[in-house]
Amino acid sequence: MTSISVADRPSQPDLGAVKTRQQGAWSFGDYAIVGTTLQLVGEQLCEATDLRAGSEVLDVAAGNGNASLAAARRWCRVTSTDYVPALLERGRERAAAERLDIRFQQADAEALPFADASFDAVVSTFGVMFTPDQDRAAAEMIRVCRPGGRIGLANWTPDGFIGQLFKTIGAHLPPPAGVKSPALWGTEARIQEMFGPDAATIQATRRSFAFRYRSAAHWLEVFRTYYGPVLKAFAALEPAAQAALEADLVALIGRFNRSGDATMVAPSDYLEIVVTRR
């Protein structure tokens, strides 16, 4: 029998270090500029989750609060959480403008500071999918959701526009070895792995969101300036490599753009998931 030395074993990623880098990336730029364009997804998710007035709702990795605002508009008691304080402040500003009563609290999706079964519904739109420790984040959402409650998720699929955006970036700036792709959250198989043992039912619906910009150049300008992961990717590359990444992103837009004119209308598929907790 051949023994395997410790040195020969695959090294495990330092998920804490990955999280620190991710938190820094999302803190750069101003994700709210992009996030506010995605409000429709939050509204649709709250409808799919069938939120009822008076329900206690937790929004995990809420960003600038799309799902939080949507839940509050349905007279729910909402707690909006994220690990980036500046994004919580953007959500707080939006809630104040609409006179919506929402509690904002800084929190790590992998270690939620709430008691077991505290919420009737737990939601996340394009947020919790980016946690480095996917199983731990899923377990936390399950833990704080009461039995019979619902967990609602909107996650980009691997083959959609945003899934392919991250694949394109990864080809120029490889992600840390051993870290699972966020796009796995957009597959039914991975959702079943993480939530199936604690679920009475899981409903998954493939939906599409259209990114609408003045042009491909306009989209690139906005994402390169305000969307942390894209901003940081460009910042990490030398000028020649930046030009190569830009060319690949323009080509990616060309594959998805269905506008038929000078503008950009690029549909991006996502998986809408509603888990009823056992």
C-alpha atoms as a PDB file:
ATOM      1  CA  MET A   1       0.000   0.000   0.000  1.00  0.00           C
ATOM      2  CA  THR A   2       1.362   3.389  -0.954  1.00  0.00           C
ATOM      3  CA  SER A   3       1.209   5.981   1.792  1.00  0.00           C
ATOM      4  CA  ILE A   4       0.583   9.655   1.081  1.00  0.00           C
ATOM      5  CA  SER A   5       2.668  12.122   3.024  1.00  0.00           C
ATOM      6  CA  VAL A   6       1.212  15.302   4.458  1.00  0.00           C
ATOM      7  CA  ALA A   7       3.233  17.262   1.916  1.00  0.00           C
ATOM      8  CA  ASP A   8       1.574  15.340  -0.952  1.00  0.00           C
ATOM      9  CA  ARG A   9      -1.971  16.020   0.193  1.00  0.00           C
ATOM     10  CA  PRO A  10      -3.889  18.800  -1.553  1.00  0.00           C
ATOM     11  CA  SER A  11      -3.673  21.960   0.515  1.00  0.00           C
ATOM     12  CA  GLN A  12      -6.927  23.354   1.844  1.00  0.00           C
ATOM     13  CA  PRO A  13      -7.698  26.974   0.963  1.00  0.00           C
ATOM     14  CA  ASP A  14      -7.498  29.576   3.716  1.00  0.00           C
ATOM     15  CA  LEU A  15     -11.167  30.572   3.580  1.00  0.00           C
ATOM     16  CA  GLY A  16     -10.647  33.300   6.160  1.00  0.00           C
ATOM     17  CA  ALA A  17      -8.066  34.990   3.948  1.00  0.00           C
ATOM     18  CA  VAL A  18     -10.328  34.553   0.919  1.00  0.00           C
ATOM     19  CA  LYS A  19     -13.178  36.199   2.807  1.00  0.00           C
ATOM     20  CA  THR A  20     -10.981  39.139   3.792  1.00  0.00           C
ATOM     21  CA  ARG A  21      -9.980  39.687   0.169  1.00  0.00           C
ATOM     22  CA  GLN A  22     -13.591  39.383  -0.995  1.00  0.00           C
ATOM     23  CA  GLN A  23     -14.777  41.848   1.623  1.00  0.00           C
ATOM     24  CA  GLY A  24     -12.157  44.268   0.383  1.00  0.00           C
ATOM     25  CA  ALA A  25     -13.251  43.772  -3.227  1.00  0.00           C
ATOM     26  CA  TRP A  26     -16.930  44.436  -2.453  1.00  0.00           C
ATOM     27  CA  SER A  27     -15.919  47.491  -0.416  1.00  0.00           C
ATOM     28  CA  PHE A  28     -14.186  49.058  -3.426  1.00  0.00           C
ATOM     29  CA  GLY A  29     -16.106  51.099  -5.945  1.00  0.00           C
ATOM     30  CA  ASP A  30     -19.800  51.426  -5.142  1.00  0.00           C
ATOM     31  CA  TYR A  31     -21.798  48.253  -5.753  1.00  0.00           C
ATOM     32  CA  ALA A  32     -25.002  50.190  -5.053  1.00  0.00           C
ATOM     33  CA  ILE A  33     -24.687  51.836  -8.486  1.00  0.00           C
ATOM     34  CA  VAL A  34     -25.059  48.391 -10.048  1.00  0.00           C
ATOM     35  CA  GLY A  35     -27.221  46.877  -7.321  1.00  0.00           C
ATOM     36  CA  THR A  36     -30.041  49.373  -7.648  1.00  0.00           C
ATOM     37  CA  THR A  37     -30.587  48.273 -11.267  1.00  0.00           C
ATOM     38  CA  LEU A  38     -31.418  44.772  -9.981  1.00  0.00           C
ATOM     39  CA  GLN A  39     -34.403  45.811  -7.833  1.00  0.00           C
ATOM     40  CA  LEU A  40     -36.827  43.809  -9.989  1.00  0.00           C
ATOM     41  CA  VAL A  41     -35.193  40.571  -8.842  1.00  0.00           C
ATOM     42  CA  GLY A  42     -35.822  41.406  -5.185  1.00  0.00           C
ATOM     43  CA  GLU A  43     -39.488  42.083  -5.898  1.00  0.00           C
ATOM     44  CA  GLN A  44     -39.903  38.824  -7.811  1.00  0.00           C
ATOM     45  CA  LEU A  45     -38.116  36.827  -5.115  1.00  0.00           C
ATOM     46  CA  CYS A  46     -40.380  38.180  -2.375  1.00  0.00           C
ATOM     47  CA  GLU A  47     -43.414  37.191  -4.457  1.00  0.00           C
ATOM     48  CA  ALA A  48     -42.002  33.709  -5.077  1.00  0.00           C
ATOM     49  CA  THR A  49     -41.285  33.322  -1.357  1.00  0.00           C
ATOM     50  CA  ASP A  50     -44.899  34.357  -0.675  1.00  0.00           C
ATOM     51  CA  LEU A  51     -44.021  36.748   2.135  1.00  0.00           C
ATOM     52  CA  ARG A  52     -46.883  37.635   4.474  1.00  0.00           C
ATOM     53  CA  ALA A  53     -47.410  40.926   6.282  1.00  0.00           C
ATOM     54  CA  GLY A  54     -45.941  40.873   9.784  1.00  0.00           C
ATOM     55  CA  SER A  55     -43.408  38.131   8.998  1.00  0.00           C
ATOM     56  CA  GLU A  56     -39.910  38.358  10.430  1.00  0.00           C
ATOM     57  CA  VAL A  57     -37.601  38.457   7.393  1.00  0.00           C
ATOM     58  CA  LEU A  58     -33.802  38.328   7.256  1.00  0.00           C
ATOM     59  CA  ASP A  59     -31.940  39.524   4.159  1.00  0.00           C
ATOM     60  CA  VAL A  60     -28.472  37.913   4.081  1.00  0.00           C
ATOM     61  CA  ALA A  61     -25.613  39.592   2.193  1.00  0.00           C
ATOM     62  CA  ALA A  62     -28.191  42.221   1.331  1.00  0.00           C
ATOM     63  CA  GLY A  63     -25.930  44.643  -0.508  1.00  0.00           C
ATOM     64  CA  ASN A  64     -27.799  47.914  -0.875  1.00  0.00           C
ATOM     65  CA  GLY A  65     -31.054  46.280   0.157  1.00  0.00           C
ATOM     66  CA  ASN A  66     -33.071  45.236  -2.891  1.00  0.00           C
ATOM     67  CA  ALA A  67     -34.801  42.286  -1.215  1.00  0.00           C
ATOM     68  CA  SER A  68     -34.961  44.188   2.096  1.00  0.00           C
ATOM     69  CA  LEU A  69     -36.912  47.028   0.499  1.00  0.00           C
ATOM     70  CA  ALA A  70     -39.180  44.604  -1.351  1.00  0.00           C
ATOM     71  CA  ALA A  71     -40.001  42.738   1.864  1.00  0.00           C
ATOM     72  CA  ALA A  72     -40.634  45.969   3.771  1.00  0.00           C
ATOM     73  CA  ARG A  73     -43.056  47.076   1.048  1.00  0.00           C
ATOM     74  CA  ARG A  74     -45.021  43.951   1.937  1.00  0.00           C
ATOM     75  CA  TRP A  75     -45.284  45.076   5.583  1.00  0.00           C
ATOM     76  CA  CYS A  76     -42.763  42.549   6.857  1.00  0.00           C
ATOM     77  CA  ARG A  77     -40.453  43.200   9.808  1.00  0.00           C
ATOM     78  CA  VAL A  78     -37.101  43.207   8.031  1.00  0.00           C
ATOM     79  CA  THR A  79     -33.508  42.848   9.195  1.00  0.00           C
ATOM     80  CA  SER A  80     -31.016  43.703   6.440  1.00  0.00           C
ATOM     81  CA  THR A  81     -27.453  42.404   6.871  1.00  0.00           C
ATOM     82  CA  ASP A  82     -24.151  42.636   5.026  1.00  0.00           C
ATOM     83  CA  TYR A  83     -20.469  42.612   5.961  1.00  0.00           C
ATOM     84  CA  VAL A  84     -19.777  45.848   4.058  1.00  0.00           C
ATOM     85  CA  PRO A  85     -20.923  48.843   6.168  1.00  0.00           C
ATOM     86  CA  ALA A  86     -21.015  51.227   3.191  1.00  0.00           C
ATOM     87  CA  LEU A  87     -23.583  49.033   1.439  1.00  0.00           C
ATOM     88  CA  LEU A  88     -25.775  48.965   4.535  1.00  0.00           C
ATOM     89  CA  GLU A  89     -25.623  52.757   4.558  1.00  0.00           C
ATOM     90  CA  ARG A  90     -26.831  52.850   0.936  1.00  0.00           C
ATOM     91  CA  GLY A  91     -29.734  50.606   1.922  1.00  0.00           C
ATOM     92  CA  ARG A  92     -30.482  52.792   4.931  1.00  0.00           C
ATOM     93  CA  GLU A  93     -30.649  55.858   2.668  1.00  0.00           C
ATOM     94  CA  ARG A  94     -33.059  54.116   0.302  1.00  0.00           C
ATOM     95  CA  ALA A  95     -35.295  52.973   3.162  1.00  0.00           C
ATOM     96  CA  ALA A  96     -35.391  56.486   4.606  1.00  0.00           C
ATOM     97  CA  ALA A  97     -36.339  57.943   1.221  1.00  0.00           C
ATOM     98  CA  GLU A  98     -39.285  55.552   0.974  1.00  0.00           C
ATOM     99  CA  ARG A  99     -40.145  55.785   4.701  1.00  0.00           C
ATOM    100  CA  LEU A 100     -39.710  52.054   5.166  1.00  0.00           C
ATOM    101  CA  ASP A 101     -38.917  50.678   8.616  1.00  0.00           C
ATOM    102  CA  ILE A 102     -35.938  48.334   8.206  1.00  0.00           C
ATOM    103  CA  ARG A 103     -33.320  47.289  10.740  1.00  0.00           C
ATOM    104  CA  PHE A 104     -29.784  47.347   9.308  1.00  0.00           C
ATOM    105  CA  GLN A 105     -27.032  45.316  10.953  1.00  0.00           C
ATOM    106  CA  GLN A 106     -23.494  44.385   9.936  1.00  0.00           C
ATOM    107  CA  ALA A 107     -23.164  40.606   9.897  1.00  0.00           C
ATOM    108  CA  ASP A 108     -21.123  37.798   8.371  1.00  0.00           C
ATOM    109  CA  ALA A 109     -23.290  35.384   6.360  1.00  0.00           C
ATOM    110  CA  GLU A 110     -21.174  32.496   7.652  1.00  0.00           C
ATOM    111  CA  ALA A 111     -21.757  33.423  11.316  1.00  0.00           C
ATOM    112  CA  LEU A 112     -25.146  35.112  11.614  1.00  0.00           C
ATOM    113  CA  PRO A 113     -25.594  36.792  15.031  1.00  0.00           C
ATOM    114  CA  PHE A 114     -29.141  35.530  15.555  1.00  0.00           C
ATOM    115  CA  ALA A 115     -30.733  32.766  17.592  1.00  0.00           C
ATOM    116  CA  ASP A 116     -32.005  29.554  16.049  1.00  0.00           C
ATOM    117  CA  ALA A 117     -35.403  29.785  14.314  1.00  0.00           C
ATOM    118  CA  SER A 118     -35.513  33.602  14.641  1.00  0.00           C
ATOM    119  CA  PHE A 119     -37.069  34.313  11.234  1.00  0.00           C
ATOM    120  CA  ASP A 120     -40.111  33.288   9.230  1.00  0.00           C
ATOM    121  CA  ALA A 121     -38.201  33.846   5.990  1.00  0.00           C
ATOM    122  CA  VAL A 122     -34.550  34.243   5.022  1.00  0.00           C
ATOM    123  CA  VAL A 123     -33.699  35.707   1.612  1.00  0.00           C
ATOM    124  CA  SER A 124     -30.664  36.647  -0.459  1.00  0.00           C
ATOM    125  CA  THR A 125     -30.344  38.081  -3.963  1.00  0.00           C
ATOM    126  CA  PHE A 126     -26.936  37.563  -5.591  1.00  0.00           C
ATOM    127  CA  GLY A 127     -25.311  37.860  -2.168  1.00  0.00           C
ATOM    128  CA  VAL A 128     -24.819  34.724  -0.091  1.00  0.00           C
ATOM    129  CA  MET A 129     -23.659  32.888  -3.229  1.00  0.00           C
ATOM    130  CA  PHE A 130     -20.310  34.696  -2.949  1.00  0.00           C
ATOM    131  CA  THR A 131     -19.396  33.360   0.507  1.00  0.00           C
ATOM    132  CA  PRO A 132     -16.148  31.334   0.500  1.00  0.00           C
ATOM    133  CA  ASP A 133     -17.537  28.612   2.822  1.00  0.00           C
ATOM    134  CA  GLN A 134     -20.722  27.725   0.984  1.00  0.00           C
ATOM    135  CA  ASP A 135     -21.847  24.895   3.268  1.00  0.00           C
ATOM    136  CA  ARG A 136     -21.417  26.993   6.379  1.00  0.00           C
ATOM    137  CA  ALA A 137     -23.403  29.887   4.896  1.00  0.00           C
ATOM    138  CA  ALA A 138     -26.220  27.556   3.852  1.00  0.00           C
ATOM    139  CA  ALA A 139     -26.241  25.965   7.313  1.00  0.00           C
ATOM    140  CA  GLU A 140     -26.541  29.399   8.914  1.00  0.00           C
ATOM    141  CA  MET A 141     -29.533  30.314   6.748  1.00  0.00           C
ATOM    142  CA  ILE A 142     -31.198  27.040   7.703  1.00  0.00           C
ATOM    143  CA  ARG A 143     -30.400  27.516  11.396  1.00  0.00           C
ATOM    144  CA  VAL A 144     -31.989  30.955  11.749  1.00  0.00           C
ATOM    145  CA  CYS A 145     -35.100  30.029   9.721  1.00  0.00           C
ATOM    146  CA  ARG A 146     -37.955  28.539  11.748  1.00  0.00           C
ATOM    147  CA  PRO A 147     -39.324  25.086  10.861  1.00  0.00           C
ATOM    148  CA  GLY A 148     -41.962  25.591   8.180  1.00  0.00           C
ATOM    149  CA  GLY A 149     -40.379  28.892   7.177  1.00  0.00           C
ATOM    150  CA  ARG A 150     -38.959  29.672   3.753  1.00  0.00           C
ATOM    151  CA  ILE A 151     -35.520  30.439   2.358  1.00  0.00           C
ATOM    152  CA  GLY A 152     -35.604  32.435  -0.886  1.00  0.00           C
ATOM    153  CA  LEU A 153     -32.543  32.772  -3.120  1.00  0.00           C
ATOM    154  CA  ALA A 154     -31.677  34.376  -6.443  1.00  0.00           C
ATOM    155  CA  ASN A 155     -28.324  33.082  -7.738  1.00  0.00           C
ATOM    156  CA  TRP A 156     -26.569  33.614 -11.068  1.00  0.00           C
ATOM    157  CA  THR A 157     -26.211  30.429 -13.147  1.00  0.00           C
ATOM    158  CA  PRO A 158     -22.833  29.222 -14.458  1.00  0.00           C
ATOM    159  CA  ASP A 159     -23.836  29.566 -18.113  1.00  0.00           C
ATOM    160  CA  GLY A 160     -25.560  32.950 -17.860  1.00  0.00           C
ATOM    161  CA  PHE A 161     -23.990  36.322 -18.583  1.00  0.00           C
ATOM    162  CA  ILE A 162     -22.747  37.017 -15.042  1.00  0.00           C
ATOM    163  CA  GLY A 163     -21.615  33.422 -14.564  1.00  0.00           C
ATOM    164  CA  GLN A 164     -19.605  33.772 -17.750  1.00  0.00           C
ATOM    165  CA  LEU A 165     -18.322  37.162 -16.593  1.00  0.00           C
ATOM    166  CA  PHE A 166     -16.697  35.525 -13.578  1.00  0.00           C
ATOM    167  CA  LYS A 167     -15.396  32.678 -15.733  1.00  0.00           C
ATOM    168  CA  THR A 168     -13.809  35.249 -18.057  1.00  0.00           C
ATOM    169  CA  ILE A 169     -12.207  37.111 -15.161  1.00  0.00           C
ATOM    170  CA  GLY A 170     -10.963  33.785 -13.772  1.00  0.00           C
ATOM    171  CA  ALA A 171      -9.191  33.033 -17.037  1.00  0.00           C
ATOM    172  CA  HIS A 172      -7.133  36.211 -16.599  1.00  0.00           C
ATOM    173  CA  LEU A 173      -6.865  36.173 -12.805  1.00  0.00           C
ATOM    174  CA  PRO A 174      -7.335  32.615 -11.476  1.00  0.00           C
ATOM    175  CA  PRO A 175      -9.312  32.303  -8.215  1.00  0.00           C
ATOM    176  CA  PRO A 176      -7.714  30.710  -5.134  1.00  0.00           C
ATOM    177  CA  ALA A 177      -7.210  26.961  -5.523  1.00  0.00           C
ATOM    178  CA  GLY A 178      -9.836  24.819  -3.839  1.00  0.00           C
ATOM    179  CA  VAL A 179     -12.492  27.535  -3.493  1.00  0.00           C
ATOM    180  CA  LYS A 180     -15.848  26.514  -4.965  1.00  0.00           C
ATOM    181  CA  SER A 181     -17.284  28.688  -7.710  1.00  0.00           C
ATOM    182  CA  PRO A 182     -20.092  31.027  -6.568  1.00  0.00           C
ATOM    183  CA  ALA A 183     -22.021  29.993  -9.702  1.00  0.00           C
ATOM    184  CA  LEU A 184     -22.590  26.543  -8.168  1.00  0.00           C
ATOM    185  CA  TRP A 185     -25.337  28.230  -6.142  1.00  0.00           C
ATOM    186  CA  GLY A 186     -27.100  28.643  -9.477  1.00  0.00           C
ATOM    187  CA  THR A 187     -27.367  24.864 -10.004  1.00  0.00           C
ATOM    188  CA  GLU A 188     -30.118  22.650  -8.638  1.00  0.00           C
ATOM    189  CA  ALA A 189     -27.636  19.908  -7.756  1.00  0.00           C
ATOM    190  CA  ARG A 190     -25.627  22.143  -5.413  1.00  0.00           C
ATOM    191  CA  ILE A 191     -28.766  23.596  -3.825  1.00  0.00           C
ATOM    192  CA  GLN A 192     -29.973  20.055  -3.138  1.00  0.00           C
ATOM    193  CA  GLU A 193     -26.632  19.184  -1.541  1.00  0.00           C
ATOM    194  CA  MET A 194     -26.695  22.167   0.798  1.00  0.00           C
ATOM    195  CA  PHE A 195     -30.395  22.469   1.644  1.00  0.00           C
ATOM    196  CA  GLY A 196     -31.949  19.109   0.772  1.00  0.00           C
ATOM    197  CA  PRO A 197     -31.431  17.327   4.119  1.00  0.00           C
ATOM    198  CA  ASP A 198     -33.299  20.121   5.965  1.00  0.00           C
ATOM    199  CA  ALA A 199     -35.930  20.871   3.316  1.00  0.00           C
ATOM    200  CA  ALA A 200     -39.543  19.782   3.128  1.00  0.00           C
ATOM    201  CA  THR A 201     -39.653  21.104  -0.432  1.00  0.00           C
ATOM    202  CA  ILE A 202     -37.326  22.875  -2.858  1.00  0.00           C
ATOM    203  CA  GLN A 203     -38.713  24.812  -5.812  1.00  0.00           C
ATOM    204  CA  ALA A 204     -36.228  26.030  -8.432  1.00  0.00           C
ATOM    205  CA  THR A 205     -37.184  28.245 -11.367  1.00  0.00           C
ATOM    206  CA  ARG A 206     -34.811  29.486 -14.033  1.00  0.00           C
ATOM    207  CA  ARG A 207     -35.343  33.197 -14.679  1.00  0.00           C
ATOM    208  CA  SER A 208     -33.590  35.917 -16.644  1.00  0.00           C
ATOM    209  CA  PHE A 209     -32.633  39.494 -15.858  1.00  0.00           C
ATOM    210  CA  ALA A 210     -31.694  41.862 -18.680  1.00  0.00           C
ATOM    211  CA  PHE A 211     -28.763  44.217 -18.141  1.00  0.00           C
ATOM    212  CA  ARG A 212     -29.694  47.393 -20.002  1.00  0.00           C
ATOM    213  CA  TYR A 213     -26.936  49.933 -20.681  1.00  0.00           C
ATOM    214  CA  ARG A 214     -26.285  52.662 -23.240  1.00  0.00           C
ATOM    215  CA  SER A 215     -23.650  50.507 -24.945  1.00  0.00           C
ATOM    216  CA  ALA A 216     -21.111  47.782 -24.257  1.00  0.00           C
ATOM    217  CA  ALA A 217     -18.594  50.538 -23.473  1.00  0.00           C
ATOM    218  CA  HIS A 218     -21.025  52.076 -20.974  1.00  0.00           C
ATOM    219  CA  TRP A 219     -21.486  48.723 -19.173  1.00  0.00           C
ATOM    220  CA  LEU A 220     -17.729  48.231 -19.033  1.00  0.00           C
ATOM    221  CA  GLU A 221     -17.214  51.745 -17.662  1.00  0.00           C
ATOM    222  CA  VAL A 222     -19.814  51.233 -14.927  1.00  0.00           C
ATOM    223  CA  PHE A 223     -18.610  47.779 -13.877  1.00  0.00           C
ATOM    224  CA  ARG A 224     -14.942  48.743 -14.064  1.00  0.00           C
ATOM    225  CA  THR A 225     -15.588  51.800 -11.880  1.00  0.00           C
ATOM    226  CA  TYR A 226     -18.206  50.578  -9.381  1.00  0.00           C
ATOM    227  CA  TYR A 227     -18.401  46.749  -9.343  1.00  0.00           C
ATOM    228  CA  GLY A 228     -15.732  45.645  -6.869  1.00  0.00           C
ATOM    229  CA  PRO A 229     -14.697  42.294  -8.390  1.00  0.00           C
ATOM    230  CA  VAL A 230     -14.256  43.783 -11.872  1.00  0.00           C
ATOM    231  CA  LEU A 231     -12.539  46.907 -10.524  1.00  0.00           C
ATOM    232  CA  LYS A 232     -10.097  44.793  -8.474  1.00  0.00           C
ATOM    233  CA  ALA A 233      -9.419  42.438 -11.391  1.00  0.00           C
ATOM    234  CA  PHE A 234      -8.343  45.301 -13.620  1.00  0.00           C
ATOM    235  CA  ALA A 235      -6.292  46.839 -10.804  1.00  0.00           C
ATOM    236  CA  ALA A 236      -4.376  43.569 -10.339  1.00  0.00           C
ATOM    237  CA  LEU A 237      -3.305  43.334 -13.998  1.00  0.00           C
ATOM    238  CA  GLU A 238      -0.591  45.055 -15.989  1.00  0.00           C
ATOM    239  CA  PRO A 239      -1.751  47.370 -18.830  1.00  0.00           C
ATOM    240  CA  ALA A 240      -1.350  44.755 -21.575  1.00  0.00           C
ATOM    241  CA  ALA A 241      -3.272  42.199 -19.525  1.00  0.00           C
ATOM    242  CA  GLN A 242      -5.953  44.800 -18.792  1.00  0.00           C
ATOM    243  CA  ALA A 243      -6.409  45.356 -22.524  1.00  0.00           C
ATOM    244  CA  ALA A 244      -6.771  41.602 -23.062  1.00  0.00           C
ATOM    245  CA  LEU A 245      -9.383  41.332 -20.323  1.00  0.00           C
ATOM    246  CA  GLU A 246     -11.274  44.295 -21.741  1.00  0.00           C
ATOM    247  CA  ALA A 247     -11.305  42.711 -25.182  1.00  0.00           C
ATOM    248  CA  ASP A 248     -12.644  39.446 -23.784  1.00  0.00           C
ATOM    249  CA  LEU A 249     -15.375  41.251 -21.840  1.00  0.00           C
ATOM    250  CA  VAL A 250     -16.471  43.167 -24.928  1.00  0.00           C
ATOM    251  CA  ALA A 251     -16.590  39.864 -26.819  1.00  0.00           C
ATOM    252  CA  LEU A 252     -18.645  38.348 -23.989  1.00  0.00           C
ATOM    253  CA  ILE A 253     -21.163  41.177 -24.236  1.00  0.00           C
ATOM    254  CA  GLY A 254     -21.318  40.591 -27.976  1.00  0.00           C
ATOM    255  CA  ARG A 255     -22.339  36.984 -27.353  1.00  0.00           C
ATOM    256  CA  PHE A 256     -25.235  37.946 -25.076  1.00  0.00           C
ATOM    257  CA  ASN A 257     -26.360  41.334 -26.403  1.00  0.00           C
ATOM    258  CA  ARG A 258     -29.735  41.094 -28.157  1.00  0.00           C
ATOM    259  CA  SER A 259     -30.458  44.822 -28.539  1.00  0.00           C
ATOM    260  CA  GLY A 260     -30.015  44.967 -32.304  1.00  0.00           C
ATOM    261  CA  ASP A 261     -28.820  48.560 -32.013  1.00  0.00           C
ATOM    262  CA  ALA A 262     -26.017  50.528 -30.343  1.00  0.00           C
ATOM    263  CA  THR A 263     -27.363  49.888 -26.847  1.00  0.00           C
ATOM    264  CA  MET A 264     -26.787  46.841 -24.649  1.00  0.00           C
ATOM    265  CA  VAL A 265     -29.562  44.462 -23.616  1.00  0.00           C
ATOM    266  CA  ALA A 266     -27.848  41.363 -22.239  1.00  0.00           C
ATOM    267  CA  PRO A 267     -30.044  38.746 -20.530  1.00  0.00           C
ATOM    268  CA  SER A 268     -28.417  36.928 -17.627  1.00  0.00           C
ATOM    269  CA  ASP A 269     -30.012  33.727 -16.344  1.00  0.00           C
ATOM    270  CA  TYR A 270     -30.402  33.141 -12.636  1.00  0.00           C
ATOM    271  CA  LEU A 271     -31.944  30.419 -10.502  1.00  0.00           C
ATOM    272  CA  GLU A 272     -34.782  31.446  -8.204  1.00  0.00           C
ATOM    273  CA  ILE A 273     -35.002  28.999  -5.310  1.00  0.00           C
ATOM    274  CA  VAL A 274     -37.601  28.674  -2.567  1.00  0.00           C
ATOM    275  CA  VAL A 275     -36.758  26.171   0.181  1.00  0.00           C
ATOM    276  CA  THR A 276     -39.429  25.282   2.740  1.00  0.00           C
ATOM    277  CA  ARG A 277     -37.613  24.313   5.908  1.00  0.00           C
ATOM    278  CA  ARG A 278     -38.439  20.960   7.415  1.00  0.00           C
END
